Amino acid sequence: MQEANNVALIAVCEATPFSQAQSKVEIAGIATNIIVPGLVLEAAVEIDACHSLLFLTDDIIFEEWLTMVLIDINQGVKEIVRIGQAWASGHFEKLSVKDEEITFRFLGDAEWRVKISLTARLRFPFFADPPAVHRAPGWKKYLTVDYVK
């Protein structure tokens, strides 16, 4: 795993009062057909030749949420996880990429850790995630998100 500098976003749909902005992912100057929710690419981590984890925001001053999107070049979006709270503004910073995990700061002094599995893992929907972590209902996950401190 390593931080990727060759990923960019192309805005395709602006935010509305009821939906997030959407952008098309561009890798190494080549547009993909992958559409992700978000407008600003805060960081990208290349997991392997086919998989990347994108950290996205919407550029909203007073209520910023962080959207993490695991993408597969061949299959598109694998999972979307959001971190945020109503009326709370976050600032993404201090990304650190290690062999098995990614850490970063968001929502004040909160430090978060993400572990990635490229195969689906069992998820218990009601007890699996810390407060402020939101994802679609379901029994599988690829991203494990923990609050460190």
C-alpha atoms as a PDB file:
ATOM      1  CA  MET A   1       0.000   0.000   0.000  1.00  0.00           C
ATOM      2  CA  GLN A   2       1.162   3.492  -0.773  1.00  0.00           C
ATOM      3  CA  GLU A   3      -0.240   6.969  -1.188  1.00  0.00           C
ATOM      4  CA  ALA A   4      -1.140   7.599  -4.835  1.00  0.00           C
ATOM      5  CA  ASN A   5      -0.545  10.927  -6.560  1.00  0.00           C
ATOM      6  CA  ASN A   6      -1.944   9.923  -9.963  1.00  0.00           C
ATOM      7  CA  VAL A   7      -5.660   9.985  -9.059  1.00  0.00           C
ATOM      8  CA  ALA A   8      -7.966  12.903  -9.860  1.00  0.00           C
ATOM      9  CA  LEU A   9     -11.693  13.640  -9.896  1.00  0.00           C
ATOM     10  CA  ILE A  10     -13.824  15.125 -12.665  1.00  0.00           C
ATOM     11  CA  ALA A  11     -17.064  16.637 -11.339  1.00  0.00           C
ATOM     12  CA  VAL A  12     -20.127  15.228 -13.126  1.00  0.00           C
ATOM     13  CA  CYS A  13     -22.980  16.279 -10.819  1.00  0.00           C
ATOM     14  CA  GLU A  14     -23.113  19.101  -8.277  1.00  0.00           C
ATOM     15  CA  ALA A  15     -24.562  18.597  -4.799  1.00  0.00           C
ATOM     16  CA  THR A  16     -28.248  19.276  -4.176  1.00  0.00           C
ATOM     17  CA  PRO A  17     -30.048  19.734  -0.863  1.00  0.00           C
ATOM     18  CA  PHE A  18     -30.809  15.997  -0.954  1.00  0.00           C
ATOM     19  CA  SER A  19     -27.745  14.383  -2.570  1.00  0.00           C
ATOM     20  CA  GLN A  20     -23.968  14.488  -2.573  1.00  0.00           C
ATOM     21  CA  ALA A  21     -21.968  15.756  -5.515  1.00  0.00           C
ATOM     22  CA  GLN A  22     -20.680  13.032  -7.828  1.00  0.00           C
ATOM     23  CA  SER A  23     -17.377  12.775  -9.652  1.00  0.00           C
ATOM     24  CA  LYS A  24     -15.742  10.484 -12.179  1.00  0.00           C
ATOM     25  CA  VAL A  25     -12.406   8.934 -11.178  1.00  0.00           C
ATOM     26  CA  GLU A  26      -9.363   9.555 -13.359  1.00  0.00           C
ATOM     27  CA  ILE A  27      -6.235   7.430 -12.838  1.00  0.00           C
ATOM     28  CA  ALA A  28      -2.904   8.346 -14.445  1.00  0.00           C
ATOM     29  CA  GLY A  29      -4.666  10.781 -16.762  1.00  0.00           C
ATOM     30  CA  ILE A  30      -7.154   8.177 -18.019  1.00  0.00           C
ATOM     31  CA  ALA A  31     -10.841   8.637 -17.190  1.00  0.00           C
ATOM     32  CA  THR A  32     -12.557   5.554 -15.797  1.00  0.00           C
ATOM     33  CA  ASN A  33     -16.287   4.842 -15.754  1.00  0.00           C
ATOM     34  CA  ILE A  34     -16.255   4.837 -11.958  1.00  0.00           C
ATOM     35  CA  ILE A  35     -18.577   7.438 -10.401  1.00  0.00           C
ATOM     36  CA  VAL A  36     -18.001   8.243  -6.710  1.00  0.00           C
ATOM     37  CA  PRO A  37     -19.852  10.472  -4.223  1.00  0.00           C
ATOM     38  CA  GLY A  38     -17.779  13.552  -3.450  1.00  0.00           C
ATOM     39  CA  LEU A  39     -16.223  16.606  -4.995  1.00  0.00           C
ATOM     40  CA  VAL A  40     -12.777  17.040  -3.401  1.00  0.00           C
ATOM     41  CA  LEU A  41     -10.140  14.297  -3.411  1.00  0.00           C
ATOM     42  CA  GLU A  42      -8.375  14.617  -0.052  1.00  0.00           C
ATOM     43  CA  ALA A  43      -6.115  11.594  -0.618  1.00  0.00           C
ATOM     44  CA  ALA A  44      -5.851   8.311  -2.492  1.00  0.00           C
ATOM     45  CA  VAL A  45      -4.132   5.115  -1.386  1.00  0.00           C
ATOM     46  CA  GLU A  46      -3.135   2.498  -3.939  1.00  0.00           C
ATOM     47  CA  ILE A  47      -3.660  -0.937  -2.416  1.00  0.00           C
ATOM     48  CA  ASP A  48      -2.531  -2.940  -5.450  1.00  0.00           C
ATOM     49  CA  ALA A  49      -2.664  -2.579  -9.240  1.00  0.00           C
ATOM     50  CA  CYS A  50      -6.476  -2.892  -9.280  1.00  0.00           C
ATOM     51  CA  HIS A  51      -7.650  -1.459  -5.940  1.00  0.00           C
ATOM     52  CA  SER A  52      -7.537   2.013  -4.411  1.00  0.00           C
ATOM     53  CA  LEU A  53      -9.084   3.700  -1.384  1.00  0.00           C
ATOM     54  CA  LEU A  54     -10.228   7.267  -2.006  1.00  0.00           C
ATOM     55  CA  PHE A  55     -10.836   9.865   0.720  1.00  0.00           C
ATOM     56  CA  LEU A  56     -13.396  12.428  -0.485  1.00  0.00           C
ATOM     57  CA  THR A  57     -15.187  15.487   0.870  1.00  0.00           C
ATOM     58  CA  ASP A  58     -17.834  17.837  -0.533  1.00  0.00           C
ATOM     59  CA  ASP A  59     -16.235  21.210   0.312  1.00  0.00           C
ATOM     60  CA  ILE A  60     -18.983  22.174   2.767  1.00  0.00           C
ATOM     61  CA  ILE A  61     -17.698  24.593   5.406  1.00  0.00           C
ATOM     62  CA  PHE A  62     -20.004  23.966   8.354  1.00  0.00           C
ATOM     63  CA  GLU A  63     -20.876  20.295   8.012  1.00  0.00           C
ATOM     64  CA  GLU A  64     -18.084  18.391   6.288  1.00  0.00           C
ATOM     65  CA  TRP A  65     -18.263  14.604   6.061  1.00  0.00           C
ATOM     66  CA  LEU A  66     -15.471  12.301   4.929  1.00  0.00           C
ATOM     67  CA  THR A  67     -16.422   9.673   2.365  1.00  0.00           C
ATOM     68  CA  MET A  68     -14.113   6.687   1.931  1.00  0.00           C
ATOM     69  CA  VAL A  69     -14.607   4.738  -1.291  1.00  0.00           C
ATOM     70  CA  LEU A  70     -12.920   1.427  -2.050  1.00  0.00           C
ATOM     71  CA  ILE A  71     -12.716   1.016  -5.819  1.00  0.00           C
ATOM     72  CA  ASP A  72     -11.721  -1.834  -8.097  1.00  0.00           C
ATOM     73  CA  ILE A  73     -10.583  -0.712 -11.563  1.00  0.00           C
ATOM     74  CA  ASN A  74     -12.444  -3.634 -13.167  1.00  0.00           C
ATOM     75  CA  GLN A  75     -15.576  -3.807 -10.965  1.00  0.00           C
ATOM     76  CA  GLY A  76     -16.126  -0.197  -9.860  1.00  0.00           C
ATOM     77  CA  VAL A  77     -17.134   0.809  -6.345  1.00  0.00           C
ATOM     78  CA  LYS A  78     -16.770  -2.014  -3.797  1.00  0.00           C
ATOM     79  CA  GLU A  79     -17.766  -0.123  -0.623  1.00  0.00           C
ATOM     80  CA  ILE A  80     -18.568   3.356   0.649  1.00  0.00           C
ATOM     81  CA  VAL A  81     -18.103   4.384   4.296  1.00  0.00           C
ATOM     82  CA  ARG A  82     -18.777   7.889   5.637  1.00  0.00           C
ATOM     83  CA  ILE A  83     -17.502   9.579   8.790  1.00  0.00           C
ATOM     84  CA  GLY A  84     -19.289  12.622  10.158  1.00  0.00           C
ATOM     85  CA  GLN A  85     -21.963  14.060  12.390  1.00  0.00           C
ATOM     86  CA  ALA A  86     -24.726  16.570  11.883  1.00  0.00           C
ATOM     87  CA  TRP A  87     -23.557  20.155  12.460  1.00  0.00           C
ATOM     88  CA  ALA A  88     -19.939  19.023  12.958  1.00  0.00           C
ATOM     89  CA  SER A  89     -17.212  20.096  10.605  1.00  0.00           C
ATOM     90  CA  GLY A  90     -14.217  17.909   9.967  1.00  0.00           C
ATOM     91  CA  HIS A  91     -10.826  18.549   8.455  1.00  0.00           C
ATOM     92  CA  PHE A  92      -8.889  15.647   6.894  1.00  0.00           C
ATOM     93  CA  GLU A  93      -5.197  15.570   7.864  1.00  0.00           C
ATOM     94  CA  LYS A  94      -2.154  13.497   8.895  1.00  0.00           C
ATOM     95  CA  LEU A  95      -2.640  10.541   6.574  1.00  0.00           C
ATOM     96  CA  SER A  96      -0.253   7.694   7.375  1.00  0.00           C
ATOM     97  CA  VAL A  97      -0.029   4.531   5.260  1.00  0.00           C
ATOM     98  CA  LYS A  98       1.509   1.398   6.747  1.00  0.00           C
ATOM     99  CA  ASP A  99       1.606  -2.207   5.565  1.00  0.00           C
ATOM    100  CA  GLU A 100      -1.679  -3.280   7.128  1.00  0.00           C
ATOM    101  CA  GLU A 101      -3.502  -0.057   8.005  1.00  0.00           C
ATOM    102  CA  ILE A 102      -4.168   3.575   7.189  1.00  0.00           C
ATOM    103  CA  THR A 103      -4.510   6.231   9.880  1.00  0.00           C
ATOM    104  CA  PHE A 104      -5.682   9.840   9.627  1.00  0.00           C
ATOM    105  CA  ARG A 105      -7.313  12.623  11.634  1.00  0.00           C
ATOM    106  CA  PHE A 106     -10.840  13.881  11.077  1.00  0.00           C
ATOM    107  CA  LEU A 107     -13.462  15.553  13.307  1.00  0.00           C
ATOM    108  CA  GLY A 108     -11.224  17.549  15.641  1.00  0.00           C
ATOM    109  CA  ASP A 109      -8.527  15.493  17.334  1.00  0.00           C
ATOM    110  CA  ALA A 110     -10.132  12.184  16.426  1.00  0.00           C
ATOM    111  CA  GLU A 111      -7.663   9.690  14.985  1.00  0.00           C
ATOM    112  CA  TRP A 112      -9.103   6.958  12.783  1.00  0.00           C
ATOM    113  CA  ARG A 113      -7.701   3.660  11.549  1.00  0.00           C
ATOM    114  CA  VAL A 114      -8.834   1.787   8.424  1.00  0.00           C
ATOM    115  CA  LYS A 115      -7.969  -1.823   7.639  1.00  0.00           C
ATOM    116  CA  ILE A 116      -8.744  -3.156   4.172  1.00  0.00           C
ATOM    117  CA  SER A 117      -9.715  -6.657   3.124  1.00  0.00           C
ATOM    118  CA  LEU A 118     -10.005  -7.346  -0.611  1.00  0.00           C
ATOM    119  CA  THR A 119     -12.399 -10.210   0.087  1.00  0.00           C
ATOM    120  CA  ALA A 120     -15.761  -9.590   1.728  1.00  0.00           C
ATOM    121  CA  ARG A 121     -15.900 -10.114   5.494  1.00  0.00           C
ATOM    122  CA  LEU A 122     -18.916 -10.718   7.726  1.00  0.00           C
ATOM    123  CA  ARG A 123     -20.347  -7.550   9.255  1.00  0.00           C
ATOM    124  CA  PHE A 124     -22.745  -7.290  12.176  1.00  0.00           C
ATOM    125  CA  PRO A 125     -24.788  -4.196  11.207  1.00  0.00           C
ATOM    126  CA  PHE A 126     -25.836  -2.938  14.645  1.00  0.00           C
ATOM    127  CA  PHE A 127     -22.623  -3.331  16.643  1.00  0.00           C
ATOM    128  CA  ALA A 128     -19.759  -3.165  14.172  1.00  0.00           C
ATOM    129  CA  ASP A 129     -18.933   0.522  13.755  1.00  0.00           C
ATOM    130  CA  PRO A 130     -18.058   3.298  16.206  1.00  0.00           C
ATOM    131  CA  PRO A 131     -20.278   6.399  16.452  1.00  0.00           C
ATOM    132  CA  ALA A 132     -19.975   8.811  13.509  1.00  0.00           C
ATOM    133  CA  VAL A 133     -19.261   5.941  11.055  1.00  0.00           C
ATOM    134  CA  HIS A 134     -22.041   5.340   8.534  1.00  0.00           C
ATOM    135  CA  ARG A 135     -22.402   2.757   5.783  1.00  0.00           C
ATOM    136  CA  ALA A 136     -25.153   1.087   3.780  1.00  0.00           C
ATOM    137  CA  PRO A 137     -27.014  -1.754   5.496  1.00  0.00           C
ATOM    138  CA  GLY A 138     -25.708  -5.215   4.767  1.00  0.00           C
ATOM    139  CA  TRP A 139     -23.856  -8.247   6.047  1.00  0.00           C
ATOM    140  CA  LYS A 140     -20.517  -7.804   4.282  1.00  0.00           C
ATOM    141  CA  LYS A 141     -17.719  -5.287   4.445  1.00  0.00           C
ATOM    142  CA  TYR A 142     -14.271  -4.657   3.023  1.00  0.00           C
ATOM    143  CA  LEU A 143     -13.273  -1.731   5.247  1.00  0.00           C
ATOM    144  CA  THR A 144     -12.911  -1.939   9.019  1.00  0.00           C
ATOM    145  CA  VAL A 145     -12.955   1.526  10.589  1.00  0.00           C
ATOM    146  CA  ASP A 146     -11.892   2.104  14.205  1.00  0.00           C
ATOM    147  CA  TYR A 147     -11.663   5.214  16.349  1.00  0.00           C
ATOM    148  CA  VAL A 148      -8.130   5.245  17.832  1.00  0.00           C
ATOM    149  CA  LYS A 149      -8.341   8.202  20.276  1.00  0.00           C
END
